[in-house]
C-alpha atoms as a PDB file:
ATOM      1  CA  MET A   1     -40.906 -44.987  48.291  1.00  0.00           C
ATOM      2  CA  ALA A   2     -39.591 -41.656  49.555  1.00  0.00           C
ATOM      3  CA  GLU A   3     -35.958 -40.917  48.787  1.00  0.00           C
ATOM      4  CA  LEU A   4     -33.594 -41.322  51.738  1.00  0.00           C
ATOM      5  CA  THR A   5     -30.570 -39.021  51.942  1.00  0.00           C
ATOM      6  CA  PHE A   6     -27.811 -39.290  54.524  1.00  0.00           C
ATOM      7  CA  TYR A   7     -25.585 -36.322  55.375  1.00  0.00           C
ATOM      8  CA  THR A   8     -22.326 -37.292  57.025  1.00  0.00           C
ATOM      9  CA  ASN A   9     -18.579 -37.180  57.339  1.00  0.00           C
ATOM     10  CA  PRO A  10     -16.751 -40.522  57.781  1.00  0.00           C
ATOM     11  CA  MET A  11     -14.896 -39.069  60.794  1.00  0.00           C
ATOM     12  CA  SER A  12     -18.003 -38.221  62.796  1.00  0.00           C
ATOM     13  CA  ARG A  13     -20.950 -39.541  64.772  1.00  0.00           C
ATOM     14  CA  GLY A  14     -22.418 -40.201  61.350  1.00  0.00           C
ATOM     15  CA  ALA A  15     -20.923 -43.672  61.810  1.00  0.00           C
ATOM     16  CA  ILE A  16     -23.856 -44.435  64.116  1.00  0.00           C
ATOM     17  CA  VAL A  17     -26.416 -43.555  61.465  1.00  0.00           C
ATOM     18  CA  ARG A  18     -24.460 -45.338  58.737  1.00  0.00           C
ATOM     19  CA  TRP A  19     -24.717 -48.503  60.827  1.00  0.00           C
ATOM     20  CA  MET A  20     -28.430 -47.906  61.416  1.00  0.00           C
ATOM     21  CA  LEU A  21     -29.047 -47.420  57.704  1.00  0.00           C
ATOM     22  CA  GLU A  22     -27.241 -50.658  56.914  1.00  0.00           C
ATOM     23  CA  GLU A  23     -29.391 -52.437  59.509  1.00  0.00           C
ATOM     24  CA  VAL A  24     -32.535 -50.972  57.912  1.00  0.00           C
ATOM     25  CA  GLY A  25     -31.460 -52.274  54.522  1.00  0.00           C
ATOM     26  CA  GLN A  26     -33.135 -49.596  52.384  1.00  0.00           C
ATOM     27  CA  PRO A  27     -31.328 -47.749  49.576  1.00  0.00           C
ATOM     28  CA  TYR A  28     -29.988 -44.331  50.507  1.00  0.00           C
ATOM     29  CA  GLU A  29     -27.880 -41.569  49.019  1.00  0.00           C
ATOM     30  CA  THR A  30     -24.831 -40.357  50.934  1.00  0.00           C
ATOM     31  CA  VAL A  31     -23.897 -36.680  50.897  1.00  0.00           C
ATOM     32  CA  LEU A  32     -20.380 -36.136  52.250  1.00  0.00           C
ATOM     33  CA  LEU A  33     -19.697 -32.851  54.016  1.00  0.00           C
ATOM     34  CA  ASP A  34     -16.439 -31.299  55.161  1.00  0.00           C
ATOM     35  CA  TYR A  35     -15.929 -29.609  58.511  1.00  0.00           C
ATOM     36  CA  GLY A  36     -15.850 -25.827  58.339  1.00  0.00           C
ATOM     37  CA  THR A  37     -16.815 -25.626  54.647  1.00  0.00           C
ATOM     38  CA  THR A  38     -19.788 -27.523  53.190  1.00  0.00           C
ATOM     39  CA  MET A  39     -21.002 -28.388  56.690  1.00  0.00           C
ATOM     40  CA  LYS A  40     -21.416 -24.657  57.343  1.00  0.00           C
ATOM     41  CA  ALA A  41     -22.661 -23.719  53.878  1.00  0.00           C
ATOM     42  CA  PRO A  42     -26.177 -22.248  53.455  1.00  0.00           C
ATOM     43  CA  ASP A  43     -27.498 -25.326  51.638  1.00  0.00           C
ATOM     44  CA  TYR A  44     -26.681 -27.594  54.551  1.00  0.00           C
ATOM     45  CA  LEU A  45     -27.590 -25.084  57.253  1.00  0.00           C
ATOM     46  CA  ALA A  46     -31.089 -25.228  55.765  1.00  0.00           C
ATOM     47  CA  ILE A  47     -31.036 -28.937  56.662  1.00  0.00           C
ATOM     48  CA  ASN A  48     -29.376 -28.584  60.063  1.00  0.00           C
ATOM     49  CA  PRO A  49     -28.884 -25.053  61.412  1.00  0.00           C
ATOM     50  CA  MET A  50     -26.335 -26.484  63.867  1.00  0.00           C
ATOM     51  CA  GLY A  51     -24.018 -27.109  60.937  1.00  0.00           C
ATOM     52  CA  LYS A  52     -23.122 -30.588  62.111  1.00  0.00           C
ATOM     53  CA  VAL A  53     -23.679 -34.180  61.081  1.00  0.00           C
ATOM     54  CA  PRO A  54     -25.361 -36.602  60.963  1.00  0.00           C
ATOM     55  CA  ALA A  55     -28.705 -35.731  59.457  1.00  0.00           C
ATOM     56  CA  ILE A  56     -31.128 -37.514  57.184  1.00  0.00           C
ATOM     57  CA  LYS A  57     -33.833 -36.418  54.811  1.00  0.00           C
ATOM     58  CA  HIS A  58     -36.624 -38.891  54.100  1.00  0.00           C
ATOM     59  CA  GLY A  59     -38.845 -37.407  51.456  1.00  0.00           C
ATOM     60  CA  ASP A  60     -39.670 -34.004  52.933  1.00  0.00           C
ATOM     61  CA  VAL A  61     -38.883 -35.036  56.505  1.00  0.00           C
ATOM     62  CA  VAL A  62     -35.582 -33.881  58.020  1.00  0.00           C
ATOM     63  CA  VAL A  63     -34.235 -35.539  61.168  1.00  0.00           C
ATOM     64  CA  THR A  64     -31.087 -34.569  63.052  1.00  0.00           C
ATOM     65  CA  GLU A  65     -29.463 -35.939  66.229  1.00  0.00           C
ATOM     66  CA  GLY A  66     -28.197 -39.509  66.172  1.00  0.00           C
ATOM     67  CA  ALA A  67     -30.612 -41.055  68.649  1.00  0.00           C
ATOM     68  CA  ALA A  68     -33.590 -39.355  67.001  1.00  0.00           C
ATOM     69  CA  ILE A  69     -32.480 -40.622  63.600  1.00  0.00           C
ATOM     70  CA  CYS A  70     -32.162 -44.177  64.912  1.00  0.00           C
ATOM     71  CA  ALA A  71     -35.632 -44.017  66.470  1.00  0.00           C
ATOM     72  CA  TYR A  72     -37.129 -42.485  63.329  1.00  0.00           C
ATOM     73  CA  LEU A  73     -35.632 -45.047  60.963  1.00  0.00           C
ATOM     74  CA  ALA A  74     -36.727 -47.953  63.148  1.00  0.00           C
ATOM     75  CA  ASP A  75     -40.322 -46.706  63.005  1.00  0.00           C
ATOM     76  CA  ALA A  76     -40.214 -45.638  59.344  1.00  0.00           C
ATOM     77  CA  PHE A  77     -39.073 -49.111  58.267  1.00  0.00           C
ATOM     78  CA  PRO A  78     -40.774 -51.534  60.664  1.00  0.00           C
ATOM     79  CA  ASP A  79     -40.038 -54.575  58.507  1.00  0.00           C
ATOM     80  CA  ALA A  80     -36.422 -54.348  59.653  1.00  0.00           C
ATOM     81  CA  GLY A  81     -37.587 -55.303  63.160  1.00  0.00           C
ATOM     82  CA  LEU A  82     -35.422 -52.724  64.916  1.00  0.00           C
ATOM     83  CA  ALA A  83     -38.001 -51.428  67.388  1.00  0.00           C
ATOM     84  CA  PRO A  84     -40.522 -53.133  69.659  1.00  0.00           C
ATOM     85  CA  ALA A  85     -44.126 -52.534  68.681  1.00  0.00           C
ATOM     86  CA  PRO A  86     -45.777 -49.455  70.203  1.00  0.00           C
ATOM     87  CA  GLY A  87     -47.578 -50.452  73.391  1.00  0.00           C
ATOM     88  CA  SER A  88     -45.544 -53.627  73.838  1.00  0.00           C
ATOM     89  CA  PRO A  89     -43.791 -54.322  77.165  1.00  0.00           C
ATOM     90  CA  GLU A  90     -40.401 -53.864  75.488  1.00  0.00           C
ATOM     91  CA  ARG A  91     -41.164 -50.370  74.192  1.00  0.00           C
ATOM     92  CA  GLY A  92     -40.445 -48.658  77.504  1.00  0.00           C
ATOM     93  CA  PRO A  93     -37.008 -50.277  78.045  1.00  0.00           C
ATOM     94  CA  TYR A  94     -36.243 -49.599  74.382  1.00  0.00           C
ATOM     95  CA  TYR A  95     -36.780 -45.857  74.831  1.00  0.00           C
ATOM     96  CA  ARG A  96     -35.069 -45.914  78.204  1.00  0.00           C
ATOM     97  CA  TRP A  97     -31.782 -47.379  77.004  1.00  0.00           C
ATOM     98  CA  LEU A  98     -31.761 -45.583  73.655  1.00  0.00           C
ATOM     99  CA  PHE A  99     -31.909 -42.252  75.446  1.00  0.00           C
ATOM    100  CA  TYR A 100     -29.705 -43.378  78.302  1.00  0.00           C
ATOM    101  CA  GLY A 101     -27.020 -43.591  75.629  1.00  0.00           C
ATOM    102  CA  ALA A 102     -27.926 -40.200  74.163  1.00  0.00           C
ATOM    103  CA  GLY A 103     -28.165 -38.504  77.548  1.00  0.00           C
ATOM    104  CA  PRO A 104     -26.253 -39.747  80.601  1.00  0.00           C
ATOM    105  CA  VAL A 105     -23.693 -41.921  78.810  1.00  0.00           C
ATOM    106  CA  GLU A 106     -22.625 -39.410  76.182  1.00  0.00           C
ATOM    107  CA  ALA A 107     -22.592 -36.449  78.581  1.00  0.00           C
ATOM    108  CA  ALA A 108     -20.729 -38.310  81.317  1.00  0.00           C
ATOM    109  CA  VAL A 109     -18.134 -39.783  78.971  1.00  0.00           C
ATOM    110  CA  ILE A 110     -17.480 -36.485  77.179  1.00  0.00           C
ATOM    111  CA  ASN A 111     -17.114 -34.542  80.429  1.00  0.00           C
ATOM    112  CA  HIS A 112     -14.882 -37.235  81.919  1.00  0.00           C
ATOM    113  CA  SER A 113     -12.687 -37.240  78.809  1.00  0.00           C
ATOM    114  CA  LEU A 114     -12.394 -33.455  78.964  1.00  0.00           C
ATOM    115  CA  GLY A 115     -11.420 -33.573  82.625  1.00  0.00           C
ATOM    116  CA  VAL A 116     -14.587 -31.829  83.784  1.00  0.00           C
ATOM    117  CA  GLN A 117     -14.986 -32.445  87.509  1.00  0.00           C
ATOM    118  CA  ILE A 118     -18.455 -32.223  89.023  1.00  0.00           C
ATOM    119  CA  ALA A 119     -18.359 -31.011  92.613  1.00  0.00           C
ATOM    120  CA  PRO A 120     -20.374 -33.289  94.931  1.00  0.00           C
ATOM    121  CA  GLU A 121     -22.731 -30.471  95.870  1.00  0.00           C
ATOM    122  CA  LYS A 122     -23.418 -29.820  92.144  1.00  0.00           C
ATOM    123  CA  LYS A 123     -24.374 -33.390  91.163  1.00  0.00           C
ATOM    124  CA  MET A 124     -28.076 -32.600  91.486  1.00  0.00           C
ATOM    125  CA  MET A 125     -27.644 -30.013  88.715  1.00  0.00           C
ATOM    126  CA  VAL A 126     -26.143 -32.547  86.312  1.00  0.00           C
ATOM    127  CA  GLY A 127     -28.505 -34.877  84.524  1.00  0.00           C
ATOM    128  CA  TYR A 128     -26.211 -37.876  84.816  1.00  0.00           C
ATOM    129  CA  GLY A 129     -25.066 -37.317  88.405  1.00  0.00           C
ATOM    130  CA  ASP A 130     -21.508 -38.588  88.062  1.00  0.00           C
ATOM    131  CA  TYR A 131     -19.415 -40.687  85.685  1.00  0.00           C
ATOM    132  CA  ASP A 132     -18.935 -43.661  88.011  1.00  0.00           C
ATOM    133  CA  THR A 133     -22.665 -44.078  88.561  1.00  0.00           C
ATOM    134  CA  VAL A 134     -23.358 -43.963  84.814  1.00  0.00           C
ATOM    135  CA  VAL A 135     -20.700 -46.605  84.161  1.00  0.00           C
ATOM    136  CA  ASP A 136     -21.863 -48.858  87.001  1.00  0.00           C
ATOM    137  CA  VAL A 137     -25.483 -48.757  85.804  1.00  0.00           C
ATOM    138  CA  LEU A 138     -24.368 -49.652  82.292  1.00  0.00           C
ATOM    139  CA  ASP A 139     -22.123 -52.437  83.552  1.00  0.00           C
ATOM    140  CA  ARG A 140     -24.848 -53.909  85.705  1.00  0.00           C
ATOM    141  CA  HIS A 141     -27.341 -53.839  82.831  1.00  0.00           C
ATOM    142  CA  PHE A 142     -25.089 -55.653  80.377  1.00  0.00           C
ATOM    143  CA  SER A 143     -23.975 -58.122  83.010  1.00  0.00           C
ATOM    144  CA  GLU A 144     -27.613 -59.224  83.185  1.00  0.00           C
ATOM    145  CA  HIS A 145     -28.818 -58.654  79.591  1.00  0.00           C
ATOM    146  CA  GLU A 146     -27.408 -59.448  76.160  1.00  0.00           C
ATOM    147  CA  TRP A 147     -29.144 -56.514  74.499  1.00  0.00           C
ATOM    148  CA  ALA A 148     -30.230 -53.044  75.511  1.00  0.00           C
ATOM    149  CA  ALA A 149     -33.963 -53.749  75.537  1.00  0.00           C
ATOM    150  CA  GLY A 150     -35.654 -57.134  75.596  1.00  0.00           C
ATOM    151  CA  ASP A 151     -34.121 -60.295  74.231  1.00  0.00           C
ATOM    152  CA  ARG A 152     -33.179 -59.080  70.758  1.00  0.00           C
ATOM    153  CA  PHE A 153     -31.126 -56.451  68.971  1.00  0.00           C
ATOM    154  CA  THR A 154     -32.871 -53.102  68.364  1.00  0.00           C
ATOM    155  CA  ALA A 155     -32.052 -49.552  67.316  1.00  0.00           C
ATOM    156  CA  ALA A 156     -31.226 -48.893  70.971  1.00  0.00           C
ATOM    157  CA  ASP A 157     -28.236 -51.185  70.517  1.00  0.00           C
ATOM    158  CA  VAL A 158     -27.059 -49.196  67.506  1.00  0.00           C
ATOM    159  CA  TYR A 159     -26.902 -45.974  69.504  1.00  0.00           C
ATOM    160  CA  LEU A 160     -26.001 -47.205  72.976  1.00  0.00           C
ATOM    161  CA  GLY A 161     -23.809 -49.898  71.484  1.00  0.00           C
ATOM    162  CA  SER A 162     -21.843 -47.299  69.541  1.00  0.00           C
ATOM    163  CA  GLN A 163     -21.094 -45.531  72.818  1.00  0.00           C
ATOM    164  CA  VAL A 164     -19.810 -48.773  74.315  1.00  0.00           C
ATOM    165  CA  LEU A 165     -17.786 -49.680  71.217  1.00  0.00           C
ATOM    166  CA  TRP A 166     -16.054 -46.305  71.206  1.00  0.00           C
ATOM    167  CA  GLY A 167     -15.579 -46.457  74.949  1.00  0.00           C
ATOM    168  CA  THR A 168     -13.838 -49.822  74.802  1.00  0.00           C
ATOM    169  CA  GLN A 169     -11.777 -48.819  71.748  1.00  0.00           C
ATOM    170  CA  PHE A 170     -10.561 -45.446  72.986  1.00  0.00           C
ATOM    171  CA  GLY A 171     -10.518 -46.107  76.713  1.00  0.00           C
ATOM    172  CA  THR A 172     -13.225 -43.593  77.597  1.00  0.00           C
ATOM    173  CA  LEU A 173     -15.018 -46.368  79.454  1.00  0.00           C
ATOM    174  CA  PRO A 174     -13.211 -48.472  82.060  1.00  0.00           C
ATOM    175  CA  LYS A 175     -12.405 -52.097  81.419  1.00  0.00           C
ATOM    176  CA  ARG A 176     -15.442 -54.241  82.222  1.00  0.00           C
ATOM    177  CA  ASP A 177     -16.145 -57.812  81.107  1.00  0.00           C
ATOM    178  CA  SER A 178     -19.753 -56.896  80.323  1.00  0.00           C
ATOM    179  CA  PHE A 179     -18.664 -54.150  77.929  1.00  0.00           C
ATOM    180  CA  ASP A 180     -16.211 -56.428  76.125  1.00  0.00           C
ATOM    181  CA  ALA A 181     -18.834 -59.153  75.700  1.00  0.00           C
ATOM    182  CA  TYR A 182     -21.444 -56.679  74.452  1.00  0.00           C
ATOM    183  CA  ALA A 183     -18.961 -55.131  72.032  1.00  0.00           C
ATOM    184  CA  ALA A 184     -18.153 -58.570  70.623  1.00  0.00           C
ATOM    185  CA  ARG A 185     -21.835 -59.249  69.982  1.00  0.00           C
ATOM    186  CA  LEU A 186     -22.206 -55.923  68.206  1.00  0.00           C
ATOM    187  CA  THR A 187     -19.137 -56.122  65.978  1.00  0.00           C
ATOM    188  CA  GLY A 188     -20.261 -59.492  64.682  1.00  0.00           C
ATOM    189  CA  ARG A 189     -23.356 -58.039  63.034  1.00  0.00           C
ATOM    190  CA  PRO A 190     -23.057 -57.987  59.219  1.00  0.00           C
ATOM    191  CA  ALA A 191     -24.557 -54.476  59.009  1.00  0.00           C
ATOM    192  CA  ALA A 192     -21.978 -53.170  61.488  1.00  0.00           C
ATOM    193  CA  VAL A 193     -19.185 -54.705  59.411  1.00  0.00           C
ATOM    194  CA  ARG A 194     -20.556 -53.191  56.181  1.00  0.00           C
ATOM    195  CA  ALA A 195     -20.949 -49.751  57.737  1.00  0.00           C
ATOM    196  CA  LYS A 196     -17.418 -49.779  59.102  1.00  0.00           C
ATOM    197  CA  GLU A 197     -15.989 -50.829  55.744  1.00  0.00           C
ATOM    198  CA  ILE A 198     -17.894 -48.114  53.867  1.00  0.00           C
ATOM    199  CA  ASP A 199     -16.659 -45.345  56.144  1.00  0.00           C
ATOM    200  CA  ALA A 200     -13.116 -46.732  56.150  1.00  0.00           C
ATOM    201  CA  LYS A 201     -13.003 -46.522  52.346  1.00  0.00           C
ATOM    202  CA  LEU A 202     -14.380 -42.984  52.420  1.00  0.00           C
ATOM    203  CA  ARG A 203     -11.684 -41.931  54.894  1.00  0.00           C
ATOM    204  CA  GLU A 204      -9.035 -43.230  52.504  1.00  0.00           C
ATOM    205  CA  GLN A 205     -10.251 -41.084  49.620  1.00  0.00           C
ATOM    206  CA  PRO A 206      -8.227 -37.931  48.937  1.00  0.00           C
ATOM    207  CA  GLU A 207     -10.010 -34.678  49.700  1.00  0.00           C
ATOM    208  CA  GLY A 208     -11.428 -32.807  46.756  1.00  0.00           C
END
């Protein structure tokens, strides 16, 4: 089996991929990188020229970007059951909500948190339209569905669910019953608990 290497920092979006790796259940090596030093060093820039985490290397294959990594791992390790089969009715909603998290949700939440105001006449230029619409669509979906796509947990829930978990924890999403209920379902997953504990221990370690 090809070696699986995970590049991360415990205070980063690498937490999403850590959770995904724990859901996959395959052995992996963790390479810890520091902001501004090893993350910008030539060795790592050869992996990700953006100089940011997360990234994975699976054999000779390099994947960056959290949503792409989640999608890749779900397909690379199908026995974990984290993606609907290609061509199945659930595959479309799976892609839809995975990339709804990576696109509209992340962009809208970041801009809202930064105080970026989109003028009404400029909404057509912005992929997500406006923050309130993004939130309302998400709220409506999880008021009607337990999981992002279909009737079971998938990789889409790792990525989109991470956005909701952070939103409810840090207040970047408004208070909604659907978000709280979804977050409770997610935090109860053993892989999510393991991933959180691993990164918490890494954050406690002294630098150097």
